[in-house]
C-alpha atoms as a PDB file:
ATOM      1  CA  MET A   1      -4.039  -2.475   8.778  1.00  0.00           C
ATOM      2  CA  LYS A   2      -0.743  -0.678   9.146  1.00  0.00           C
ATOM      3  CA  PHE A   3       0.736   0.704   5.936  1.00  0.00           C
ATOM      4  CA  LEU A   4       4.231   1.878   5.086  1.00  0.00           C
ATOM      5  CA  ILE A   5       4.435   4.137   2.021  1.00  0.00           C
ATOM      6  CA  ASP A   6       7.582   3.963  -0.103  1.00  0.00           C
ATOM      7  CA  GLU A   7       9.400   7.229  -0.737  1.00  0.00           C
ATOM      8  CA  CYS A   8       8.745   6.809  -4.497  1.00  0.00           C
ATOM      9  CA  LEU A   9       5.045   7.568  -3.902  1.00  0.00           C
ATOM     10  CA  HIS A  10       3.449  10.839  -2.865  1.00  0.00           C
ATOM     11  CA  SER A  11       3.154  11.693   0.825  1.00  0.00           C
ATOM     12  CA  SER A  12      -0.579  12.415   0.424  1.00  0.00           C
ATOM     13  CA  LEU A  13      -1.245   8.649   0.372  1.00  0.00           C
ATOM     14  CA  VAL A  14      -0.834   8.728   4.158  1.00  0.00           C
ATOM     15  CA  ALA A  15      -3.999  10.825   4.494  1.00  0.00           C
ATOM     16  CA  VAL A  16      -5.876   8.436   2.196  1.00  0.00           C
ATOM     17  CA  ALA A  17      -5.039   5.473   4.440  1.00  0.00           C
ATOM     18  CA  GLN A  18      -5.834   7.439   7.592  1.00  0.00           C
ATOM     19  CA  GLY A  19      -9.155   8.473   6.064  1.00  0.00           C
ATOM     20  CA  HIS A  20     -10.019   4.771   5.898  1.00  0.00           C
ATOM     21  CA  GLY A  21      -9.069   4.308   9.558  1.00  0.00           C
ATOM     22  CA  HIS A  22      -5.621   2.754   9.040  1.00  0.00           C
ATOM     23  CA  ASP A  23      -2.285   3.570  10.611  1.00  0.00           C
ATOM     24  CA  CYS A  24       0.125   4.793   7.978  1.00  0.00           C
ATOM     25  CA  PHE A  25       3.752   5.854   7.881  1.00  0.00           C
ATOM     26  CA  ARG A  26       6.315   6.866   5.277  1.00  0.00           C
ATOM     27  CA  VAL A  27       9.719   5.264   4.804  1.00  0.00           C
ATOM     28  CA  ASN A  28      11.473   8.554   5.543  1.00  0.00           C
ATOM     29  CA  TRP A  29       9.585   9.004   8.836  1.00  0.00           C
ATOM     30  CA  LEU A  30      11.282   5.840  10.068  1.00  0.00           C
ATOM     31  CA  GLY A  31      14.729   7.119   9.086  1.00  0.00           C
ATOM     32  CA  LEU A  32      14.935   4.769   6.090  1.00  0.00           C
ATOM     33  CA  SER A  33      15.270   7.275   3.253  1.00  0.00           C
ATOM     34  CA  GLY A  34      17.597   6.104   0.536  1.00  0.00           C
ATOM     35  CA  GLU A  35      17.835   2.557   1.904  1.00  0.00           C
ATOM     36  CA  ALA A  36      18.217  -0.221  -0.655  1.00  0.00           C
ATOM     37  CA  ASP A  37      15.051  -2.237  -1.229  1.00  0.00           C
ATOM     38  CA  TRP A  38      16.570  -5.394   0.278  1.00  0.00           C
ATOM     39  CA  ASP A  39      17.492  -3.395   3.416  1.00  0.00           C
ATOM     40  CA  LEU A  40      13.880  -2.226   3.806  1.00  0.00           C
ATOM     41  CA  ILE A  41      12.414  -5.730   3.853  1.00  0.00           C
ATOM     42  CA  PRO A  42      13.561  -6.707   7.386  1.00  0.00           C
ATOM     43  CA  ARG A  43      12.093  -3.479   8.795  1.00  0.00           C
ATOM     44  CA  ILE A  44       8.842  -3.950   6.869  1.00  0.00           C
ATOM     45  CA  ILE A  45       8.468  -7.529   8.104  1.00  0.00           C
ATOM     46  CA  GLU A  46       9.483  -6.701  11.671  1.00  0.00           C
ATOM     47  CA  GLY A  47       7.001  -3.811  11.802  1.00  0.00           C
ATOM     48  CA  ASP A  48       4.195  -5.949  10.339  1.00  0.00           C
ATOM     49  CA  PHE A  49       3.615  -3.288   7.670  1.00  0.00           C
ATOM     50  CA  THR A  50       1.686  -3.672   4.451  1.00  0.00           C
ATOM     51  CA  PHE A  51       4.118  -1.993   2.076  1.00  0.00           C
ATOM     52  CA  VAL A  52       2.883   0.371  -0.655  1.00  0.00           C
ATOM     53  CA  THR A  53       5.183   1.015  -3.620  1.00  0.00           C
ATOM     54  CA  LYS A  54       5.348   1.468  -7.371  1.00  0.00           C
ATOM     55  CA  ASP A  55       8.557  -0.594  -7.592  1.00  0.00           C
ATOM     56  CA  ALA A  56       6.840  -3.806  -8.649  1.00  0.00           C
ATOM     57  CA  ARG A  57       9.741  -5.738 -10.124  1.00  0.00           C
ATOM     58  CA  ASP A  58      12.114  -5.456  -7.164  1.00  0.00           C
ATOM     59  CA  PHE A  59       9.569  -5.936  -4.414  1.00  0.00           C
ATOM     60  CA  ARG A  60       7.845  -8.905  -6.068  1.00  0.00           C
ATOM     61  CA  LYS A  61      11.216 -10.692  -6.040  1.00  0.00           C
ATOM     62  CA  LEU A  62      11.935  -9.731  -2.434  1.00  0.00           C
ATOM     63  CA  TYR A  63       8.472 -10.679  -1.149  1.00  0.00           C
ATOM     64  CA  ALA A  64       8.619 -14.034  -2.964  1.00  0.00           C
ATOM     65  CA  LYS A  65      11.454 -14.962  -0.586  1.00  0.00           C
ATOM     66  CA  GLU A  66       9.489 -14.123   2.573  1.00  0.00           C
ATOM     67  CA  GLU A  67       7.694 -16.951   4.329  1.00  0.00           C
ATOM     68  CA  LEU A  68       5.195 -14.621   6.053  1.00  0.00           C
ATOM     69  CA  HIS A  69       4.365 -10.969   5.397  1.00  0.00           C
ATOM     70  CA  ALA A  70       1.521  -8.492   5.909  1.00  0.00           C
ATOM     71  CA  GLY A  71       1.071  -7.810   2.211  1.00  0.00           C
ATOM     72  CA  LEU A  72       2.305  -5.715  -0.657  1.00  0.00           C
ATOM     73  CA  VAL A  73       0.397  -3.015  -2.540  1.00  0.00           C
ATOM     74  CA  ILE A  74       1.691  -1.992  -5.957  1.00  0.00           C
ATOM     75  CA  ILE A  75       0.423   1.194  -7.606  1.00  0.00           C
ATOM     76  CA  VAL A  76       1.044   1.857 -11.292  1.00  0.00           C
ATOM     77  CA  PRO A  77       4.286   3.776 -11.770  1.00  0.00           C
ATOM     78  CA  GLN A  78       4.589   7.274 -13.188  1.00  0.00           C
ATOM     79  CA  VAL A  79       1.160   8.677 -12.435  1.00  0.00           C
ATOM     80  CA  LEU A  80       0.354  12.041 -10.895  1.00  0.00           C
ATOM     81  CA  PRO A  81      -0.244  12.233  -7.121  1.00  0.00           C
ATOM     82  CA  SER A  82      -3.975  12.809  -7.638  1.00  0.00           C
ATOM     83  CA  LEU A  83      -4.232   9.519  -9.559  1.00  0.00           C
ATOM     84  CA  GLN A  84      -2.052   7.742  -6.981  1.00  0.00           C
ATOM     85  CA  ARG A  85      -4.574   8.820  -4.322  1.00  0.00           C
ATOM     86  CA  GLU A  86      -7.542   7.626  -6.408  1.00  0.00           C
ATOM     87  CA  LEU A  87      -5.935   4.250  -7.075  1.00  0.00           C
ATOM     88  CA  PHE A  88      -4.931   3.763  -3.437  1.00  0.00           C
ATOM     89  CA  ASP A  89      -8.466   4.672  -2.387  1.00  0.00           C
ATOM     90  CA  LEU A  90      -9.828   1.967  -4.730  1.00  0.00           C
ATOM     91  CA  ILE A  91      -7.466  -0.564  -3.167  1.00  0.00           C
ATOM     92  CA  LEU A  92      -8.522   0.395   0.343  1.00  0.00           C
ATOM     93  CA  GLN A  93     -12.184   0.014  -0.618  1.00  0.00           C
ATOM     94  CA  GLU A  94     -11.346  -3.507  -1.808  1.00  0.00           C
ATOM     95  CA  LEU A  95      -9.708  -4.283   1.546  1.00  0.00           C
ATOM     96  CA  VAL A  96     -12.533  -3.096   3.816  1.00  0.00           C
ATOM     97  CA  GLU A  97     -12.679  -6.301   5.852  1.00  0.00           C
ATOM     98  CA  ALA A  98      -9.710  -8.174   4.452  1.00  0.00           C
ATOM     99  CA  GLN A  99      -6.063  -8.633   5.252  1.00  0.00           C
ATOM    100  CA  LEU A 100      -3.305  -9.167   2.736  1.00  0.00           C
ATOM    101  CA  VAL A 101      -1.351 -11.848   4.573  1.00  0.00           C
ATOM    102  CA  ASN A 102       1.064 -13.283   1.990  1.00  0.00           C
ATOM    103  CA  GLU A 103      -0.810 -11.492  -0.788  1.00  0.00           C
ATOM    104  CA  VAL A 104      -0.197  -8.718  -3.269  1.00  0.00           C
ATOM    105  CA  ILE A 105      -2.780  -6.342  -4.622  1.00  0.00           C
ATOM    106  CA  GLU A 106      -1.694  -4.538  -7.746  1.00  0.00           C
ATOM    107  CA  VAL A 107      -3.491  -1.787  -9.609  1.00  0.00           C
ATOM    108  CA  THR A 108      -2.857  -1.023 -13.258  1.00  0.00           C
ATOM    109  CA  ILE A 109      -4.626   1.180 -15.749  1.00  0.00           C
ATOM    110  CA  ASP A 110      -6.194  -0.278 -18.862  1.00  0.00           C
ATOM    111  CA  GLY A 111      -7.193   2.347 -21.399  1.00  0.00           C
ATOM    112  CA  ASP A 112     -10.569   0.718 -22.019  1.00  0.00           C
ATOM    113  CA  GLU A 113     -11.454  -0.529 -18.555  1.00  0.00           C
ATOM    114  CA  GLY A 114      -9.837   2.102 -16.326  1.00  0.00           C
ATOM    115  CA  ALA A 115      -8.291   0.835 -13.093  1.00  0.00           C
ATOM    116  CA  VAL A 116      -7.769  -2.917 -12.928  1.00  0.00           C
ATOM    117  CA  LEU A 117      -7.029  -4.655  -9.618  1.00  0.00           C
ATOM    118  CA  ALA A 118      -5.171  -7.943  -9.455  1.00  0.00           C
ATOM    119  CA  ARG A 119      -4.775  -9.908  -6.235  1.00  0.00           C
ATOM    120  CA  TYR A 120      -2.491 -12.902  -5.886  1.00  0.00           C
ATOM    121  CA  SER A 121      -0.471 -14.909  -3.374  1.00  0.00           C
ATOM    122  CA  LEU A 122       3.217 -14.267  -2.884  1.00  0.00           C
ATOM    123  CA  PRO A 123       5.034 -16.458  -2.246  1.00  0.00           C
ATOM    124  CA  GLU A 124       2.866 -18.723  -4.351  1.00  0.00           C
ATOM    125  CA  ALA A 125       0.956 -21.223  -2.271  1.00  0.00           C
END
């Protein structure tokens, strides 16, 4: 898979993806720093990137309008970089031999259960 990490997440997520054998880039490496979310979508789709963000609300709406995409990964907002890395690592373990075509995988933290992964289609089938 080929991931694009949003600038709202820590740069160390790149190494996590690479450690699992994936190509990975950051939004700012592509000269897209500060771009509005809706301006990122064409570049994400064109580059066939699986986008990784914590901005769930905006990107769920934007991805729901896309007929075909390489997937969206949503990591719980407002967690320390070390926890971002752990959560992203869990997601990558889940995706060992899978693609996220027209799917979202979202990780949240439940106080009792720890990390909880949800996977669903978007747009809805």
